[in-house]
Amino acid sequence: MKQPEASLAIQVLPQSVGGDEVLRIVDKVISYIKSTGLKIFVGPFETTIEGDFDTLMEIAKECQLICIREGAANLLTYMKMAYNPKNGVWSIGEKTDKYSLTI
């Protein structure tokens, strides 16, 4: 199986909106990320996405714009990226499957 070229972990924190509005806006962002069809992992603090570098950068940009369109006057975004166009990066599964629990 071909390794993904890049992996992006992104957390958006809409500012100038309160309580449930923050969750509503973050839910819109996650819904958009899911709609891309890429492999994703939603965690409690960030969402991780696998793909090619250019696509992930476009997704990161759109996440910002969604927050603003949905009513946040400004936002904080934290991103981490692993990028290796020649050999690929570890997949989400390679990093997390061994920790998955069935309850």
N, C-alpha and C. Protein backbone atom coordinates (compact mmCIF):
# COMPACT_ATOMS: atom_id res chain seq x y z
N MET A 1 0.84 -1.19 0.00
CA MET A 1 0.00 0.00 0.00
C MET A 1 0.88 1.25 0.00
N LYS A 2 0.56 2.19 -0.87
CA LYS A 2 1.35 3.41 -1.00
C LYS A 2 1.16 4.31 0.22
N GLN A 3 2.26 4.79 0.74
CA GLN A 3 2.22 5.69 1.89
C GLN A 3 1.69 7.06 1.44
N PRO A 4 0.93 7.74 2.30
CA PRO A 4 0.50 9.10 1.94
C PRO A 4 1.71 10.03 1.88
N GLU A 5 1.64 10.99 0.97
CA GLU A 5 2.72 11.97 0.81
C GLU A 5 2.83 12.89 2.02
N ALA A 6 1.67 13.19 2.63
CA ALA A 6 1.66 14.13 3.75
C ALA A 6 0.52 13.79 4.69
N SER A 7 0.67 14.24 5.91
CA SER A 7 -0.35 14.09 6.93
C SER A 7 -0.45 15.43 7.66
N LEU A 8 -1.67 15.94 7.78
CA LEU A 8 -1.91 17.23 8.41
C LEU A 8 -2.83 17.07 9.60
N ALA A 9 -2.40 17.56 10.76
CA ALA A 9 -3.27 17.64 11.93
C ALA A 9 -3.66 19.11 12.08
N ILE A 10 -4.96 19.38 12.15
CA ILE A 10 -5.43 20.76 12.21
C ILE A 10 -6.46 20.92 13.33
N GLN A 11 -6.32 22.02 14.06
CA GLN A 11 -7.26 22.39 15.11
C GLN A 11 -7.64 23.85 14.87
N VAL A 12 -8.93 24.11 14.70
CA VAL A 12 -9.40 25.49 14.56
C VAL A 12 -10.11 25.89 15.85
N LEU A 13 -9.83 27.09 16.29
CA LEU A 13 -10.45 27.64 17.50
C LEU A 13 -11.08 28.98 17.16
N PRO A 14 -12.36 28.98 16.77
CA PRO A 14 -13.04 30.23 16.45
C PRO A 14 -13.05 31.15 17.67
N GLN A 15 -12.75 32.40 17.44
CA GLN A 15 -12.74 33.41 18.50
C GLN A 15 -13.96 34.32 18.35
N SER A 16 -14.24 35.07 19.35
CA SER A 16 -15.32 36.07 19.35
C SER A 16 -16.71 35.46 19.23
N VAL A 17 -16.81 34.15 19.45
CA VAL A 17 -18.11 33.48 19.54
C VAL A 17 -18.07 32.66 20.82
N GLY A 18 -19.22 32.37 21.37
CA GLY A 18 -19.21 31.67 22.65
C GLY A 18 -19.76 30.27 22.58
N GLY A 19 -19.47 29.51 23.62
CA GLY A 19 -20.03 28.21 23.91
C GLY A 19 -20.40 27.34 22.74
N ASP A 20 -21.70 27.15 22.57
CA ASP A 20 -22.21 26.24 21.54
C ASP A 20 -21.87 26.70 20.13
N GLU A 21 -21.66 28.00 19.93
CA GLU A 21 -21.29 28.49 18.60
C GLU A 21 -19.93 27.97 18.19
N VAL A 22 -19.01 27.88 19.14
CA VAL A 22 -17.69 27.32 18.83
C VAL A 22 -17.86 25.89 18.31
N LEU A 23 -18.64 25.09 19.02
CA LEU A 23 -18.85 23.70 18.61
C LEU A 23 -19.56 23.62 17.25
N ARG A 24 -20.52 24.48 17.03
CA ARG A 24 -21.24 24.49 15.75
C ARG A 24 -20.29 24.76 14.59
N ILE A 25 -19.42 25.74 14.77
CA ILE A 25 -18.48 26.11 13.71
C ILE A 25 -17.45 25.00 13.50
N VAL A 26 -16.92 24.46 14.58
CA VAL A 26 -15.96 23.36 14.45
C VAL A 26 -16.62 22.17 13.76
N ASP A 27 -17.88 21.89 14.08
CA ASP A 27 -18.60 20.81 13.41
C ASP A 27 -18.72 21.06 11.90
N LYS A 28 -18.92 22.31 11.50
CA LYS A 28 -18.98 22.64 10.06
C LYS A 28 -17.62 22.35 9.41
N VAL A 29 -16.54 22.70 10.10
CA VAL A 29 -15.21 22.45 9.56
C VAL A 29 -14.96 20.95 9.41
N ILE A 30 -15.30 20.18 10.43
CA ILE A 30 -15.10 18.73 10.36
C ILE A 30 -15.96 18.12 9.26
N SER A 31 -17.18 18.60 9.11
CA SER A 31 -18.05 18.12 8.05
C SER A 31 -17.42 18.38 6.68
N TYR A 32 -16.85 19.56 6.50
CA TYR A 32 -16.17 19.87 5.24
C TYR A 32 -14.99 18.91 5.02
N ILE A 33 -14.17 18.72 6.05
CA ILE A 33 -13.01 17.84 5.91
C ILE A 33 -13.47 16.44 5.52
N LYS A 34 -14.53 15.94 6.16
CA LYS A 34 -15.06 14.61 5.83
C LYS A 34 -15.52 14.56 4.37
N SER A 35 -16.06 15.66 3.87
CA SER A 35 -16.59 15.70 2.50
C SER A 35 -15.50 15.60 1.44
N THR A 36 -14.24 15.80 1.82
CA THR A 36 -13.15 15.74 0.84
C THR A 36 -12.89 14.33 0.35
N GLY A 37 -13.36 13.34 1.10
CA GLY A 37 -13.14 11.95 0.72
C GLY A 37 -11.78 11.40 1.09
N LEU A 38 -10.95 12.21 1.73
CA LEU A 38 -9.64 11.74 2.15
C LEU A 38 -9.77 10.96 3.46
N LYS A 39 -8.75 10.20 3.79
CA LYS A 39 -8.75 9.48 5.06
C LYS A 39 -8.53 10.49 6.17
N ILE A 40 -9.42 10.45 7.19
CA ILE A 40 -9.29 11.38 8.31
C ILE A 40 -9.45 10.63 9.62
N PHE A 41 -8.98 11.26 10.68
CA PHE A 41 -9.15 10.77 12.04
C PHE A 41 -9.52 11.97 12.89
N VAL A 42 -10.72 11.94 13.47
CA VAL A 42 -11.17 13.04 14.32
C VAL A 42 -10.84 12.69 15.76
N GLY A 43 -10.02 13.51 16.38
CA GLY A 43 -9.67 13.34 17.78
C GLY A 43 -10.30 14.44 18.61
N PRO A 44 -10.11 14.40 19.91
CA PRO A 44 -10.75 15.39 20.78
C PRO A 44 -10.19 16.81 20.64
N PHE A 45 -8.98 16.94 20.11
CA PHE A 45 -8.38 18.26 19.98
C PHE A 45 -8.05 18.67 18.56
N GLU A 46 -7.97 17.72 17.64
CA GLU A 46 -7.59 18.03 16.28
C GLU A 46 -8.10 16.95 15.34
N THR A 47 -8.11 17.27 14.06
CA THR A 47 -8.47 16.30 13.03
C THR A 47 -7.24 16.09 12.16
N THR A 48 -6.94 14.84 11.88
CA THR A 48 -5.79 14.49 11.05
C THR A 48 -6.29 14.03 9.69
N ILE A 49 -5.60 14.49 8.64
CA ILE A 49 -5.99 14.21 7.27
C ILE A 49 -4.75 13.72 6.51
N GLU A 50 -4.93 12.70 5.65
CA GLU A 50 -3.84 12.21 4.80
C GLU A 50 -4.10 12.61 3.36
N GLY A 51 -3.04 12.96 2.64
CA GLY A 51 -3.19 13.27 1.23
C GLY A 51 -1.93 13.86 0.64
N ASP A 52 -2.09 14.49 -0.51
CA ASP A 52 -0.94 15.16 -1.12
C ASP A 52 -0.84 16.59 -0.57
N PHE A 53 0.36 17.13 -0.61
CA PHE A 53 0.65 18.42 0.00
C PHE A 53 -0.29 19.53 -0.47
N ASP A 54 -0.45 19.69 -1.78
CA ASP A 54 -1.27 20.78 -2.30
C ASP A 54 -2.71 20.68 -1.85
N THR A 55 -3.26 19.48 -1.88
CA THR A 55 -4.65 19.29 -1.45
C THR A 55 -4.80 19.63 0.03
N LEU A 56 -3.86 19.19 0.86
CA LEU A 56 -3.95 19.49 2.28
C LEU A 56 -3.83 20.99 2.56
N MET A 57 -3.02 21.68 1.79
CA MET A 57 -2.91 23.13 1.98
C MET A 57 -4.21 23.84 1.59
N GLU A 58 -4.86 23.36 0.53
CA GLU A 58 -6.16 23.93 0.14
C GLU A 58 -7.22 23.66 1.21
N ILE A 59 -7.20 22.47 1.78
CA ILE A 59 -8.13 22.14 2.86
C ILE A 59 -7.89 23.04 4.06
N ALA A 60 -6.63 23.23 4.43
CA ALA A 60 -6.30 24.10 5.56
C ALA A 60 -6.82 25.52 5.33
N LYS A 61 -6.67 26.01 4.12
CA LYS A 61 -7.17 27.35 3.78
C LYS A 61 -8.69 27.41 3.91
N GLU A 62 -9.38 26.42 3.36
CA GLU A 62 -10.84 26.42 3.41
C GLU A 62 -11.36 26.32 4.84
N CYS A 63 -10.65 25.61 5.70
CA CYS A 63 -11.06 25.53 7.11
C CYS A 63 -11.10 26.91 7.75
N GLN A 64 -10.13 27.75 7.40
CA GLN A 64 -10.11 29.12 7.93
C GLN A 64 -11.32 29.90 7.43
N LEU A 65 -11.56 29.79 6.14
CA LEU A 65 -12.64 30.55 5.52
C LEU A 65 -14.01 30.12 6.04
N ILE A 66 -14.18 28.84 6.29
CA ILE A 66 -15.45 28.36 6.86
C ILE A 66 -15.71 29.03 8.20
N CYS A 67 -14.71 29.08 9.05
CA CYS A 67 -14.88 29.70 10.37
C CYS A 67 -15.33 31.15 10.24
N ILE A 68 -14.72 31.90 9.35
CA ILE A 68 -15.07 33.31 9.17
C ILE A 68 -16.49 33.42 8.59
N ARG A 69 -16.80 32.63 7.57
CA ARG A 69 -18.14 32.67 6.98
C ARG A 69 -19.22 32.30 7.99
N GLU A 70 -18.88 31.44 8.94
CA GLU A 70 -19.86 30.98 9.93
C GLU A 70 -19.98 31.91 11.13
N GLY A 71 -19.24 33.04 11.12
CA GLY A 71 -19.47 34.04 12.15
C GLY A 71 -18.33 34.35 13.09
N ALA A 72 -17.24 33.63 13.01
CA ALA A 72 -16.09 33.96 13.86
C ALA A 72 -15.39 35.19 13.28
N ALA A 73 -15.20 36.20 14.10
CA ALA A 73 -14.51 37.40 13.62
C ALA A 73 -13.03 37.11 13.38
N ASN A 74 -12.49 36.19 14.14
CA ASN A 74 -11.10 35.77 13.98
C ASN A 74 -10.98 34.36 14.56
N LEU A 75 -9.85 33.72 14.34
CA LEU A 75 -9.66 32.38 14.86
C LEU A 75 -8.19 32.09 15.07
N LEU A 76 -7.95 31.10 15.88
CA LEU A 76 -6.60 30.56 16.07
C LEU A 76 -6.61 29.19 15.42
N THR A 77 -5.55 28.87 14.71
CA THR A 77 -5.44 27.57 14.07
C THR A 77 -4.07 27.00 14.39
N TYR A 78 -4.08 25.75 14.81
CA TYR A 78 -2.85 25.04 15.10
C TYR A 78 -2.74 23.89 14.11
N MET A 79 -1.60 23.83 13.43
CA MET A 79 -1.40 22.78 12.42
C MET A 79 -0.04 22.12 12.63
N LYS A 80 -0.03 20.81 12.38
CA LYS A 80 1.21 20.04 12.35
C LYS A 80 1.18 19.25 11.06
N MET A 81 2.32 19.19 10.38
CA MET A 81 2.35 18.46 9.12
C MET A 81 3.60 17.60 9.04
N ALA A 82 3.39 16.38 8.58
CA ALA A 82 4.50 15.51 8.18
C ALA A 82 4.45 15.46 6.65
N TYR A 83 5.58 15.67 6.01
CA TYR A 83 5.62 15.74 4.55
C TYR A 83 6.88 15.07 4.04
N ASN A 84 6.70 14.09 3.17
CA ASN A 84 7.83 13.40 2.55
C ASN A 84 7.38 12.96 1.16
N PRO A 85 7.57 13.83 0.15
CA PRO A 85 7.06 13.53 -1.19
C PRO A 85 7.73 12.32 -1.85
N LYS A 86 8.92 11.98 -1.42
CA LYS A 86 9.63 10.87 -2.06
C LYS A 86 9.24 9.51 -1.47
N ASN A 87 9.19 9.41 -0.16
CA ASN A 87 8.97 8.12 0.49
C ASN A 87 7.65 8.01 1.24
N GLY A 88 6.92 9.09 1.33
CA GLY A 88 5.66 9.07 2.07
C GLY A 88 5.88 9.17 3.57
N VAL A 89 4.77 9.26 4.30
CA VAL A 89 4.80 9.38 5.75
C VAL A 89 4.00 8.24 6.37
N TRP A 90 4.16 8.03 7.65
CA TRP A 90 3.37 7.02 8.33
C TRP A 90 1.89 7.37 8.20
N SER A 91 1.08 6.37 7.97
CA SER A 91 -0.36 6.59 7.84
C SER A 91 -0.99 6.77 9.22
N ILE A 92 -2.23 7.25 9.22
CA ILE A 92 -2.98 7.39 10.46
C ILE A 92 -3.05 6.03 11.16
N GLY A 93 -3.37 4.99 10.40
CA GLY A 93 -3.48 3.65 10.97
C GLY A 93 -2.18 3.15 11.58
N GLU A 94 -1.07 3.40 10.91
CA GLU A 94 0.22 2.97 11.45
C GLU A 94 0.53 3.65 12.79
N LYS A 95 0.02 4.85 12.95
CA LYS A 95 0.29 5.59 14.19
C LYS A 95 -0.71 5.28 15.31
N THR A 96 -1.93 4.84 14.95
CA THR A 96 -2.96 4.74 15.99
C THR A 96 -3.60 3.37 16.16
N ASP A 97 -3.57 2.51 15.15
CA ASP A 97 -4.29 1.23 15.24
C ASP A 97 -3.92 0.41 16.47
N LYS A 98 -2.66 0.42 16.84
CA LYS A 98 -2.24 -0.40 17.98
C LYS A 98 -2.82 0.08 19.30
N TYR A 99 -3.40 1.29 19.30
CA TYR A 99 -4.00 1.83 20.52
C TYR A 99 -5.51 1.76 20.53
N SER A 100 -6.11 1.31 19.44
CA SER A 100 -7.57 1.23 19.36
C SER A 100 -8.09 0.21 20.35
N LEU A 101 -9.15 0.61 21.05
CA LEU A 101 -9.77 -0.27 22.04
C LEU A 101 -11.19 -0.59 21.62
N THR A 102 -11.58 -1.81 21.84
CA THR A 102 -12.97 -2.18 21.61
C THR A 102 -13.62 -2.35 22.97
N ILE A 103 -14.67 -1.59 23.20
CA ILE A 103 -15.34 -1.65 24.50
C ILE A 103 -16.70 -2.29 24.33
